[in-house]
Amino acid sequence: MSSAVKWWSRLSAAVTGAVLTLVVPVHAWAASTGVADVAVEAARSRRSRGGIGFFGILGGLCCLVVVGGIVLAIVLISRNRKRR
């Protein structure tokens, strides 16, 4: 295994660990503080608009970037396994 691949795998493992270190406690906090009730009330009281809006487009774009990153990671991992 080349040193670049080892370096890349270590970096991605560190980034994954850091993200999970932040996401898991935030998810637990959000589930236990009644944030869901606030979100439901905000959705009910929201006025309906004609278009999607800026935040809808931004959220969709963010979702596409995340899904694309996951697909890219799967493709790169499967390519490295076939080379062996």
C-alpha atoms as a PDB file:
ATOM      1  CA  MET A   1       0.000   0.000   0.000  1.00  0.00           C
ATOM      2  CA  SER A   2       1.476   3.351  -0.955  1.00  0.00           C
ATOM      3  CA  SER A   3       2.143   6.015   1.621  1.00  0.00           C
ATOM      4  CA  ALA A   4      -0.441   8.328   0.035  1.00  0.00           C
ATOM      5  CA  VAL A   5      -3.189   5.728   0.458  1.00  0.00           C
ATOM      6  CA  LYS A   6      -2.174   5.109   4.068  1.00  0.00           C
ATOM      7  CA  TRP A   7      -2.140   8.858   4.725  1.00  0.00           C
ATOM      8  CA  TRP A   8      -5.541   9.312   3.074  1.00  0.00           C
ATOM      9  CA  SER A   9      -7.138   6.455   5.021  1.00  0.00           C
ATOM     10  CA  ARG A  10      -5.764   7.788   8.320  1.00  0.00           C
ATOM     11  CA  LEU A  11      -7.020  11.288   7.522  1.00  0.00           C
ATOM     12  CA  SER A  12     -10.480  10.060   6.576  1.00  0.00           C
ATOM     13  CA  ALA A  13     -10.661   7.947   9.748  1.00  0.00           C
ATOM     14  CA  ALA A  14      -9.721  10.983  11.846  1.00  0.00           C
ATOM     15  CA  VAL A  15     -12.297  13.195  10.119  1.00  0.00           C
ATOM     16  CA  THR A  16     -14.988  10.528  10.515  1.00  0.00           C
ATOM     17  CA  GLY A  17     -14.180  10.196  14.206  1.00  0.00           C
ATOM     18  CA  ALA A  18     -14.295  13.957  14.708  1.00  0.00           C
ATOM     19  CA  VAL A  19     -17.629  14.265  12.918  1.00  0.00           C
ATOM     20  CA  LEU A  20     -19.162  11.432  14.928  1.00  0.00           C
ATOM     21  CA  THR A  21     -17.796  12.957  18.124  1.00  0.00           C
ATOM     22  CA  LEU A  22     -19.777  16.095  17.350  1.00  0.00           C
ATOM     23  CA  VAL A  23     -22.893  14.609  15.752  1.00  0.00           C
ATOM     24  CA  VAL A  24     -23.800  11.931  18.304  1.00  0.00           C
ATOM     25  CA  PRO A  25     -23.998  14.244  21.373  1.00  0.00           C
ATOM     26  CA  VAL A  26     -25.869  16.907  19.397  1.00  0.00           C
ATOM     27  CA  HIS A  27     -28.380  14.326  18.223  1.00  0.00           C
ATOM     28  CA  ALA A  28     -28.861  13.074  21.777  1.00  0.00           C
ATOM     29  CA  TRP A  29     -29.344  16.620  23.031  1.00  0.00           C
ATOM     30  CA  ALA A  30     -31.838  17.436  20.283  1.00  0.00           C
ATOM     31  CA  ALA A  31     -33.835  14.295  21.018  1.00  0.00           C
ATOM     32  CA  SER A  32     -34.061  15.032  24.746  1.00  0.00           C
ATOM     33  CA  THR A  33     -34.809  18.775  24.901  1.00  0.00           C
ATOM     34  CA  GLY A  34     -38.097  18.988  23.037  1.00  0.00           C
ATOM     35  CA  VAL A  35     -36.600  20.408  19.858  1.00  0.00           C
ATOM     36  CA  ALA A  36     -38.943  18.168  17.867  1.00  0.00           C
ATOM     37  CA  ASP A  37     -41.962  19.920  19.395  1.00  0.00           C
ATOM     38  CA  VAL A  38     -40.528  23.301  18.460  1.00  0.00           C
ATOM     39  CA  ALA A  39     -39.923  22.091  14.905  1.00  0.00           C
ATOM     40  CA  VAL A  40     -43.490  20.814  14.610  1.00  0.00           C
ATOM     41  CA  GLU A  41     -44.899  24.117  15.871  1.00  0.00           C
ATOM     42  CA  ALA A  42     -42.676  26.052  13.452  1.00  0.00           C
ATOM     43  CA  ALA A  43     -43.863  23.900  10.569  1.00  0.00           C
ATOM     44  CA  ARG A  44     -47.510  24.427  11.512  1.00  0.00           C
ATOM     45  CA  SER A  45     -47.256  28.176  11.892  1.00  0.00           C
ATOM     46  CA  ARG A  46     -45.210  28.706   8.749  1.00  0.00           C
ATOM     47  CA  ARG A  47     -46.964  30.567   5.990  1.00  0.00           C
ATOM     48  CA  SER A  48     -47.112  28.771   2.685  1.00  0.00           C
ATOM     49  CA  ARG A  49     -45.086  30.476  -0.002  1.00  0.00           C
ATOM     50  CA  GLY A  50     -45.203  30.206  -3.727  1.00  0.00           C
ATOM     51  CA  GLY A  51     -41.674  28.880  -4.228  1.00  0.00           C
ATOM     52  CA  ILE A  52     -39.170  26.675  -2.520  1.00  0.00           C
ATOM     53  CA  GLY A  53     -37.144  29.589  -1.226  1.00  0.00           C
ATOM     54  CA  PHE A  54     -33.445  30.107  -0.667  1.00  0.00           C
ATOM     55  CA  PHE A  55     -33.106  27.774   2.301  1.00  0.00           C
ATOM     56  CA  GLY A  56     -34.904  24.976   0.480  1.00  0.00           C
ATOM     57  CA  ILE A  57     -32.457  25.220  -2.400  1.00  0.00           C
ATOM     58  CA  LEU A  58     -29.502  25.497  -0.025  1.00  0.00           C
ATOM     59  CA  GLY A  59     -30.692  22.471   1.952  1.00  0.00           C
ATOM     60  CA  GLY A  60     -31.158  20.452  -1.216  1.00  0.00           C
ATOM     61  CA  LEU A  61     -27.705  21.418  -2.440  1.00  0.00           C
ATOM     62  CA  CYS A  62     -26.172  20.443   0.896  1.00  0.00           C
ATOM     63  CA  CYS A  63     -27.959  17.096   0.742  1.00  0.00           C
ATOM     64  CA  LEU A  64     -26.648  16.460  -2.761  1.00  0.00           C
ATOM     65  CA  VAL A  65     -23.087  17.260  -1.676  1.00  0.00           C
ATOM     66  CA  VAL A  66     -23.320  14.826   1.248  1.00  0.00           C
ATOM     67  CA  VAL A  67     -24.803  12.050  -0.892  1.00  0.00           C
ATOM     68  CA  GLY A  68     -22.165  12.681  -3.568  1.00  0.00           C
ATOM     69  CA  GLY A  69     -19.405  12.453  -0.959  1.00  0.00           C
ATOM     70  CA  ILE A  70     -20.745   9.143   0.306  1.00  0.00           C
ATOM     71  CA  VAL A  71     -20.992   7.742  -3.225  1.00  0.00           C
ATOM     72  CA  LEU A  72     -17.458   8.949  -4.000  1.00  0.00           C
ATOM     73  CA  ALA A  73     -16.105   7.289  -0.851  1.00  0.00           C
ATOM     74  CA  ILE A  74     -17.811   3.997  -1.748  1.00  0.00           C
ATOM     75  CA  VAL A  75     -16.458   4.118  -5.302  1.00  0.00           C
ATOM     76  CA  LEU A  76     -12.911   4.858  -4.136  1.00  0.00           C
ATOM     77  CA  ILE A  77     -13.006   2.099  -1.536  1.00  0.00           C
ATOM     78  CA  SER A  78     -14.334  -0.447  -4.038  1.00  0.00           C
ATOM     79  CA  ARG A  79     -11.684   0.526  -6.620  1.00  0.00           C
ATOM     80  CA  ASN A  80      -8.902   0.044  -4.078  1.00  0.00           C
ATOM     81  CA  ARG A  81     -10.195  -3.421  -3.179  1.00  0.00           C
ATOM     82  CA  LYS A  82     -10.286  -4.539  -6.818  1.00  0.00           C
ATOM     83  CA  ARG A  83      -6.628  -3.588  -7.368  1.00  0.00           C
ATOM     84  CA  ARG A  84      -5.402  -6.181  -4.875  1.00  0.00           C
END
